């Protein structure tokens, strides 16, 4: 019998358990982290991990829909 584990550390919208840093170009054209993260499932962007979790005790900053990030993202 296989044991199934559940985690509260997952996207509150789609249930995915992973995210990636958002990378954008700075004023010199260099690629750098923007301080935001993107869910690997639904692609929503956020700055606070608690906002991504979306459960009781989560943060107060709403996650943003894809394309509304402050920096242009480089998707690779």
PDB file of N, CA and C in Angstrom:
ATOM      1  N   UNK A   1       0.844  -1.171   0.000  1.00  0.00           N
ATOM      2  CA  UNK A   1       0.000   0.000   0.000  1.00  0.00           C
ATOM      3  C   UNK A   1       0.898   1.246   0.000  1.00  0.00           C
ATOM      4  N   UNK A   2       0.622   2.157  -0.887  1.00  0.00           N
ATOM      5  CA  UNK A   2       1.423   3.375  -1.023  1.00  0.00           C
ATOM      6  C   UNK A   2       0.855   4.479  -0.138  1.00  0.00           C
ATOM      7  N   UNK A   3       1.735   5.173   0.579  1.00  0.00           N
ATOM      8  CA  UNK A   3       1.318   6.287   1.419  1.00  0.00           C
ATOM      9  C   UNK A   3       1.216   7.553   0.575  1.00  0.00           C
ATOM     10  N   UNK A   4       0.123   8.270   0.721  1.00  0.00           N
ATOM     11  CA  UNK A   4      -0.074   9.511  -0.005  1.00  0.00           C
ATOM     12  C   UNK A   4       0.057  10.668   0.977  1.00  0.00           C
ATOM     13  N   UNK A   5       0.928  11.609   0.648  1.00  0.00           N
ATOM     14  CA  UNK A   5       1.132  12.772   1.486  1.00  0.00           C
ATOM     15  C   UNK A   5       0.466  13.983   0.850  1.00  0.00           C
ATOM     16  N   UNK A   6      -0.079  14.856   1.674  1.00  0.00           N
ATOM     17  CA  UNK A   6      -0.693  16.089   1.199  1.00  0.00           C
ATOM     18  C   UNK A   6       0.095  17.256   1.768  1.00  0.00           C
ATOM     19  N   UNK A   7       0.146  18.340   1.037  1.00  0.00           N
ATOM     20  CA  UNK A   7       0.855  19.526   1.496  1.00  0.00           C
ATOM     21  C   UNK A   7      -0.053  20.744   1.410  1.00  0.00           C
ATOM     22  N   UNK A   8       0.147  21.680   2.329  1.00  0.00           N
ATOM     23  CA  UNK A   8      -0.585  22.942   2.247  1.00  0.00           C
ATOM     24  C   UNK A   8       0.191  23.931   1.386  1.00  0.00           C
ATOM     25  N   UNK A   9       1.429  23.583   1.049  1.00  0.00           N
ATOM     26  CA  UNK A   9       2.279  24.473   0.262  1.00  0.00           C
ATOM     27  C   UNK A   9       2.084  24.202  -1.222  1.00  0.00           C
ATOM     28  N   UNK A  10       0.963  24.677  -1.726  1.00  0.00           N
ATOM     29  CA  UNK A  10       0.614  24.513  -3.135  1.00  0.00           C
ATOM     30  C   UNK A  10      -0.201  25.713  -3.565  1.00  0.00           C
ATOM     31  N   UNK A  11      -0.342  25.887  -4.864  1.00  0.00           N
ATOM     32  CA  UNK A  11      -1.101  27.007  -5.410  1.00  0.00           C
ATOM     33  C   UNK A  11      -2.558  26.913  -4.962  1.00  0.00           C
ATOM     34  N   UNK A  12      -3.066  28.013  -4.428  1.00  0.00           N
ATOM     35  CA  UNK A  12      -4.454  28.053  -3.988  1.00  0.00           C
ATOM     36  C   UNK A  12      -5.438  28.059  -5.135  1.00  0.00           C
ATOM     37  N   UNK A  13      -4.961  28.288  -6.359  1.00  0.00           N
ATOM     38  CA  UNK A  13      -5.853  28.331  -7.530  1.00  0.00           C
ATOM     39  C   UNK A  13      -5.885  27.014  -8.283  1.00  0.00           C
ATOM     40  N   UNK A  14      -4.689  26.431  -8.545  1.00  0.00           N
ATOM     41  CA  UNK A  14      -4.653  25.235  -9.398  1.00  0.00           C
ATOM     42  C   UNK A  14      -4.126  23.989  -8.689  1.00  0.00           C
ATOM     43  N   UNK A  15      -3.515  24.145  -7.498  1.00  0.00           N
ATOM     44  CA  UNK A  15      -3.036  22.988  -6.749  1.00  0.00           C
ATOM     45  C   UNK A  15      -1.619  22.548  -7.078  1.00  0.00           C
ATOM     46  N   UNK A  16      -0.964  23.209  -8.020  1.00  0.00           N
ATOM     47  CA  UNK A  16       0.417  22.864  -8.373  1.00  0.00           C
ATOM     48  C   UNK A  16       1.333  23.128  -7.182  1.00  0.00           C
ATOM     49  N   UNK A  17       2.348  22.304  -7.009  1.00  0.00           N
ATOM     50  CA  UNK A  17       3.241  22.437  -5.859  1.00  0.00           C
ATOM     51  C   UNK A  17       4.591  23.050  -6.211  1.00  0.00           C
ATOM     52  N   UNK A  18       4.687  23.743  -7.345  1.00  0.00           N
ATOM     53  CA  UNK A  18       5.962  24.360  -7.715  1.00  0.00           C
ATOM     54  C   UNK A  18       5.752  25.728  -8.354  1.00  0.00           C
ATOM     55  N   UNK A  19       6.806  26.537  -8.269  1.00  0.00           N
ATOM     56  CA  UNK A  19       6.819  27.874  -8.858  1.00  0.00           C
ATOM     57  C   UNK A  19       8.235  28.182  -9.304  1.00  0.00           C
ATOM     58  N   UNK A  20       8.376  29.223 -10.131  1.00  0.00           N
ATOM     59  CA  UNK A  20       9.691  29.630 -10.641  1.00  0.00           C
ATOM     60  C   UNK A  20       9.865  31.131 -10.466  1.00  0.00           C
ATOM     61  N   UNK A  21      11.111  31.581 -10.312  1.00  0.00           N
ATOM     62  CA  UNK A  21      11.332  33.030 -10.264  1.00  0.00           C
ATOM     63  C   UNK A  21      11.054  33.648 -11.631  1.00  0.00           C
ATOM     64  N   UNK A  22      10.506  34.859 -11.638  1.00  0.00           N
ATOM     65  CA  UNK A  22      10.277  35.603 -12.877  1.00  0.00           C
ATOM     66  C   UNK A  22      11.571  36.356 -13.197  1.00  0.00           C
ATOM     67  N   UNK A  23      12.046  36.208 -14.415  1.00  0.00           N
ATOM     68  CA  UNK A  23      13.279  36.846 -14.859  1.00  0.00           C
ATOM     69  C   UNK A  23      12.922  37.942 -15.857  1.00  0.00           C
ATOM     70  N   UNK A  24      13.530  39.103 -15.706  1.00  0.00           N
ATOM     71  CA  UNK A  24      13.288  40.220 -16.621  1.00  0.00           C
ATOM     72  C   UNK A  24      14.582  40.957 -16.898  1.00  0.00           C
ATOM     73  N   UNK A  25      14.560  41.846 -17.862  1.00  0.00           N
ATOM     74  CA  UNK A  25      15.751  42.625 -18.207  1.00  0.00           C
ATOM     75  C   UNK A  25      15.788  43.911 -17.399  1.00  0.00           C
ATOM     76  N   UNK A  26      16.974  44.251 -16.883  1.00  0.00           N
ATOM     77  CA  UNK A  26      17.121  45.517 -16.162  1.00  0.00           C
ATOM     78  C   UNK A  26      17.463  46.625 -17.150  1.00  0.00           C
ATOM     79  N   UNK A  27      17.777  47.793 -16.648  1.00  0.00           N
ATOM     80  CA  UNK A  27      18.049  48.956 -17.504  1.00  0.00           C
ATOM     81  C   UNK A  27      19.236  48.747 -18.438  1.00  0.00           C
ATOM     82  N   UNK A  28      20.177  47.880 -18.056  1.00  0.00           N
ATOM     83  CA  UNK A  28      21.347  47.620 -18.903  1.00  0.00           C
ATOM     84  C   UNK A  28      21.117  46.471 -19.873  1.00  0.00           C
ATOM     85  N   UNK A  29      19.976  45.820 -19.772  1.00  0.00           N
ATOM     86  CA  UNK A  29      19.659  44.703 -20.657  1.00  0.00           C
ATOM     87  C   UNK A  29      20.031  43.346 -20.088  1.00  0.00           C
ATOM     88  N   UNK A  30      20.587  43.327 -18.888  1.00  0.00           N
ATOM     89  CA  UNK A  30      20.959  42.058 -18.262  1.00  0.00           C
ATOM     90  C   UNK A  30      19.714  41.361 -17.693  1.00  0.00           C
ATOM     91  N   UNK A  31      19.718  40.043 -17.763  1.00  0.00           N
ATOM     92  CA  UNK A  31      18.619  39.263 -17.198  1.00  0.00           C
ATOM     93  C   UNK A  31      18.822  39.129 -15.692  1.00  0.00           C
ATOM     94  N   UNK A  32      17.798  39.474 -14.937  1.00  0.00           N
ATOM     95  CA  UNK A  32      17.876  39.433 -13.476  1.00  0.00           C
ATOM     96  C   UNK A  32      16.521  39.011 -12.902  1.00  0.00           C
ATOM     97  N   UNK A  33      16.532  38.406 -11.707  1.00  0.00           N
ATOM     98  CA  UNK A  33      15.253  38.111 -11.038  1.00  0.00           C
ATOM     99  C   UNK A  33      14.514  39.408 -10.716  1.00  0.00           C
ATOM    100  N   UNK A  34      13.199  39.410 -10.883  1.00  0.00           N
ATOM    101  CA  UNK A  34      12.403  40.618 -10.662  1.00  0.00           C
ATOM    102  C   UNK A  34      11.874  40.725  -9.237  1.00  0.00           C
ATOM    103  N   UNK A  35      12.022  39.669  -8.442  1.00  0.00           N
ATOM    104  CA  UNK A  35      11.435  39.663  -7.102  1.00  0.00           C
ATOM    105  C   UNK A  35      10.043  39.053  -7.094  1.00  0.00           C
ATOM    106  N   UNK A  36       9.581  38.644  -8.257  1.00  0.00           N
ATOM    107  CA  UNK A  36       8.283  37.984  -8.366  1.00  0.00           C
ATOM    108  C   UNK A  36       8.507  36.517  -8.713  1.00  0.00           C
ATOM    109  N   UNK A  37       7.461  35.732  -8.508  1.00  0.00           N
ATOM    110  CA  UNK A  37       7.497  34.299  -8.812  1.00  0.00           C
ATOM    111  C   UNK A  37       6.261  33.955  -9.621  1.00  0.00           C
ATOM    112  N   UNK A  38       6.331  32.847 -10.383  1.00  0.00           N
ATOM    113  CA  UNK A  38       5.212  32.428 -11.231  1.00  0.00           C
ATOM    114  C   UNK A  38       4.901  30.965 -10.957  1.00  0.00           C
ATOM    115  N   UNK A  39       3.625  30.678 -10.739  1.00  0.00           N
ATOM    116  CA  UNK A  39       3.169  29.301 -10.565  1.00  0.00           C
ATOM    117  C   UNK A  39       3.445  28.538 -11.852  1.00  0.00           C
ATOM    118  N   UNK A  40       3.968  27.315 -11.744  1.00  0.00           N
ATOM    119  CA  UNK A  40       4.253  26.528 -12.948  1.00  0.00           C
ATOM    120  C   UNK A  40       2.990  25.905 -13.535  1.00  0.00           C
ATOM    121  N   UNK A  41       1.883  25.954 -12.796  1.00  0.00           N
ATOM    122  CA  UNK A  41       0.625  25.399 -13.299  1.00  0.00           C
ATOM    123  C   UNK A  41      -0.222  26.434 -14.013  1.00  0.00           C
ATOM    124  N   UNK A  42      -0.765  27.397 -13.249  1.00  0.00           N
ATOM    125  CA  UNK A  42      -1.697  28.371 -13.825  1.00  0.00           C
ATOM    126  C   UNK A  42      -1.017  29.675 -14.267  1.00  0.00           C
ATOM    127  N   UNK A  43       0.285  29.813 -14.016  1.00  0.00           N
ATOM    128  CA  UNK A  43       1.099  30.964 -14.455  1.00  0.00           C
ATOM    129  C   UNK A  43       0.783  32.273 -13.733  1.00  0.00           C
ATOM    130  N   UNK A  44       0.020  32.239 -12.639  1.00  0.00           N
ATOM    131  CA  UNK A  44      -0.242  33.447 -11.870  1.00  0.00           C
ATOM    132  C   UNK A  44       1.078  33.918 -11.246  1.00  0.00           C
ATOM    133  N   UNK A  45       1.289  35.245 -11.144  1.00  0.00           N
ATOM    134  CA  UNK A  45       2.512  35.783 -10.550  1.00  0.00           C
ATOM    135  C   UNK A  45       2.216  36.336  -9.160  1.00  0.00           C
ATOM    136  N   UNK A  46       3.223  36.301  -8.288  1.00  0.00           N
ATOM    137  CA  UNK A  46       3.070  36.731  -6.907  1.00  0.00           C
ATOM    138  C   UNK A  46       4.428  37.129  -6.348  1.00  0.00           C
ATOM    139  N   UNK A  47       4.417  37.884  -5.259  1.00  0.00           N
ATOM    140  CA  UNK A  47       5.661  38.275  -4.601  1.00  0.00           C
ATOM    141  C   UNK A  47       5.798  37.629  -3.228  1.00  0.00           C
ATOM    142  N   UNK A  48       4.696  37.298  -2.596  1.00  0.00           N
ATOM    143  CA  UNK A  48       4.700  36.666  -1.276  1.00  0.00           C
ATOM    144  C   UNK A  48       4.222  35.222  -1.417  1.00  0.00           C
ATOM    145  N   UNK A  49       5.004  34.288  -0.895  1.00  0.00           N
ATOM    146  CA  UNK A  49       4.648  32.879  -1.016  1.00  0.00           C
ATOM    147  C   UNK A  49       3.313  32.571  -0.346  1.00  0.00           C
ATOM    148  N   UNK A  50       3.008  33.262   0.730  1.00  0.00           N
ATOM    149  CA  UNK A  50       1.737  33.025   1.418  1.00  0.00           C
ATOM    150  C   UNK A  50       0.542  33.383   0.533  1.00  0.00           C
ATOM    151  N   UNK A  51       0.718  34.328  -0.375  1.00  0.00           N
ATOM    152  CA  UNK A  51      -0.356  34.665  -1.318  1.00  0.00           C
ATOM    153  C   UNK A  51      -0.579  33.518  -2.298  1.00  0.00           C
ATOM    154  N   UNK A  52       0.487  32.841  -2.667  1.00  0.00           N
ATOM    155  CA  UNK A  52       0.395  31.713  -3.596  1.00  0.00           C
ATOM    156  C   UNK A  52      -0.309  30.535  -2.943  1.00  0.00           C
ATOM    157  N   UNK A  53      -0.055  30.324  -1.652  1.00  0.00           N
ATOM    158  CA  UNK A  53      -0.679  29.203  -0.958  1.00  0.00           C
ATOM    159  C   UNK A  53      -2.185  29.319  -0.971  1.00  0.00           C
ATOM    160  N   UNK A  54      -2.708  30.518  -0.665  1.00  0.00           N
ATOM    161  CA  UNK A  54      -4.151  30.741  -0.719  1.00  0.00           C
ATOM    162  C   UNK A  54      -4.958  29.975   0.309  1.00  0.00           C
ATOM    163  N   UNK A  55      -4.411  29.753   1.508  1.00  0.00           N
ATOM    164  CA  UNK A  55      -5.167  29.097   2.567  1.00  0.00           C
ATOM    165  C   UNK A  55      -5.201  30.002   3.789  1.00  0.00           C
ATOM    166  N   UNK A  56      -5.900  29.597   4.843  1.00  0.00           N
ATOM    167  CA  UNK A  56      -5.975  30.404   6.057  1.00  0.00           C
ATOM    168  C   UNK A  56      -4.573  30.726   6.553  1.00  0.00           C
ATOM    169  N   UNK A  57      -4.353  31.981   6.912  1.00  0.00           N
ATOM    170  CA  UNK A  57      -3.034  32.416   7.350  1.00  0.00           C
ATOM    171  C   UNK A  57      -2.183  32.928   6.212  1.00  0.00           C
ATOM    172  N   UNK A  58      -2.725  32.908   4.997  1.00  0.00           N
ATOM    173  CA  UNK A  58      -1.983  33.403   3.840  1.00  0.00           C
ATOM    174  C   UNK A  58      -1.840  34.917   3.920  1.00  0.00           C
ATOM    175  N   UNK A  59      -0.960  35.457   3.102  1.00  0.00           N
ATOM    176  CA  UNK A  59      -0.699  36.893   3.098  1.00  0.00           C
ATOM    177  C   UNK A  59      -1.867  37.706   2.581  1.00  0.00           C
ATOM    178  N   UNK A  60      -1.697  39.024   2.543  1.00  0.00           N
ATOM    179  CA  UNK A  60      -2.777  39.923   2.155  1.00  0.00           C
ATOM    180  C   UNK A  60      -2.616  40.482   0.755  1.00  0.00           C
ATOM    181  N   UNK A  61      -1.493  40.259   0.088  1.00  0.00           N
ATOM    182  CA  UNK A  61      -1.282  40.773  -1.266  1.00  0.00           C
ATOM    183  C   UNK A  61      -1.843  39.781  -2.270  1.00  0.00           C
ATOM    184  N   UNK A  62      -2.743  40.244  -3.093  1.00  0.00           N
ATOM    185  CA  UNK A  62      -3.356  39.361  -4.078  1.00  0.00           C
ATOM    186  C   UNK A  62      -2.361  39.001  -5.170  1.00  0.00           C
ATOM    187  N   UNK A  63      -2.388  37.763  -5.593  1.00  0.00           N
ATOM    188  CA  UNK A  63      -1.554  37.336  -6.713  1.00  0.00           C
ATOM    189  C   UNK A  63      -2.072  37.984  -7.987  1.00  0.00           C
ATOM    190  N   UNK A  64      -1.186  38.184  -8.950  1.00  0.00           N
ATOM    191  CA  UNK A  64      -1.554  38.854 -10.195  1.00  0.00           C
ATOM    192  C   UNK A  64      -1.770  37.840 -11.304  1.00  0.00           C
ATOM    193  N   UNK A  65      -2.640  38.201 -12.221  1.00  0.00           N
ATOM    194  CA  UNK A  65      -2.835  37.372 -13.394  1.00  0.00           C
ATOM    195  C   UNK A  65      -1.596  37.461 -14.283  1.00  0.00           C
ATOM    196  N   UNK A  66      -1.313  36.438 -15.081  1.00  0.00           N
ATOM    197  CA  UNK A  66      -0.157  36.496 -15.984  1.00  0.00           C
ATOM    198  C   UNK A  66      -0.206  37.726 -16.882  1.00  0.00           C
ATOM    199  N   UNK A  67       0.948  38.323 -17.134  1.00  0.00           N
ATOM    200  CA  UNK A  67       1.044  39.475 -18.019  1.00  0.00           C
ATOM    201  C   UNK A  67       0.916  40.806 -17.303  1.00  0.00           C
ATOM    202  N   UNK A  68       0.625  40.820 -16.000  1.00  0.00           N
ATOM    203  CA  UNK A  68       0.476  42.055 -15.273  1.00  0.00           C
ATOM    204  C   UNK A  68       1.687  42.353 -14.399  1.00  0.00           C
ATOM    205  N   UNK A  69       2.765  41.606 -14.586  1.00  0.00           N
ATOM    206  CA  UNK A  69       3.971  41.807 -13.786  1.00  0.00           C
ATOM    207  C   UNK A  69       4.603  43.176 -14.087  1.00  0.00           C
ATOM    208  N   UNK A  70       5.304  43.723 -13.116  1.00  0.00           N
ATOM    209  CA  UNK A  70       5.929  45.024 -13.266  1.00  0.00           C
ATOM    210  C   UNK A  70       7.059  45.005 -14.292  1.00  0.00           C
ATOM    211  N   UNK A  71       7.673  43.846 -14.498  1.00  0.00           N
ATOM    212  CA  UNK A  71       8.781  43.722 -15.435  1.00  0.00           C
ATOM    213  C   UNK A  71       8.380  42.761 -16.549  1.00  0.00           C
ATOM    214  N   UNK A  72       8.885  42.969 -17.738  1.00  0.00           N
ATOM    215  CA  UNK A  72       8.585  41.985 -18.787  1.00  0.00           C
ATOM    216  C   UNK A  72       9.296  40.672 -18.466  1.00  0.00           C
ATOM    217  N   UNK A  73       8.580  39.601 -18.499  1.00  0.00           N
ATOM    218  CA  UNK A  73       9.150  38.296 -18.155  1.00  0.00           C
ATOM    219  C   UNK A  73       9.809  37.667 -19.375  1.00  0.00           C
ATOM    220  N   UNK A  74      10.844  36.919 -19.114  1.00  0.00           N
ATOM    221  CA  UNK A  74      11.486  36.125 -20.156  1.00  0.00           C
ATOM    222  C   UNK A  74      11.126  34.674 -19.852  1.00  0.00           C
ATOM    223  N   UNK A  75      10.359  34.071 -20.716  1.00  0.00           N
ATOM    224  CA  UNK A  75       9.916  32.705 -20.505  1.00  0.00           C
ATOM    225  C   UNK A  75      10.834  31.798 -21.303  1.00  0.00           C
ATOM    226  N   UNK A  76      11.335  30.791 -20.619  1.00  0.00           N
ATOM    227  CA  UNK A  76      12.288  29.914 -21.307  1.00  0.00           C
ATOM    228  C   UNK A  76      12.052  28.491 -21.119  1.00  0.00           C
TER     229      UNK A  76
END
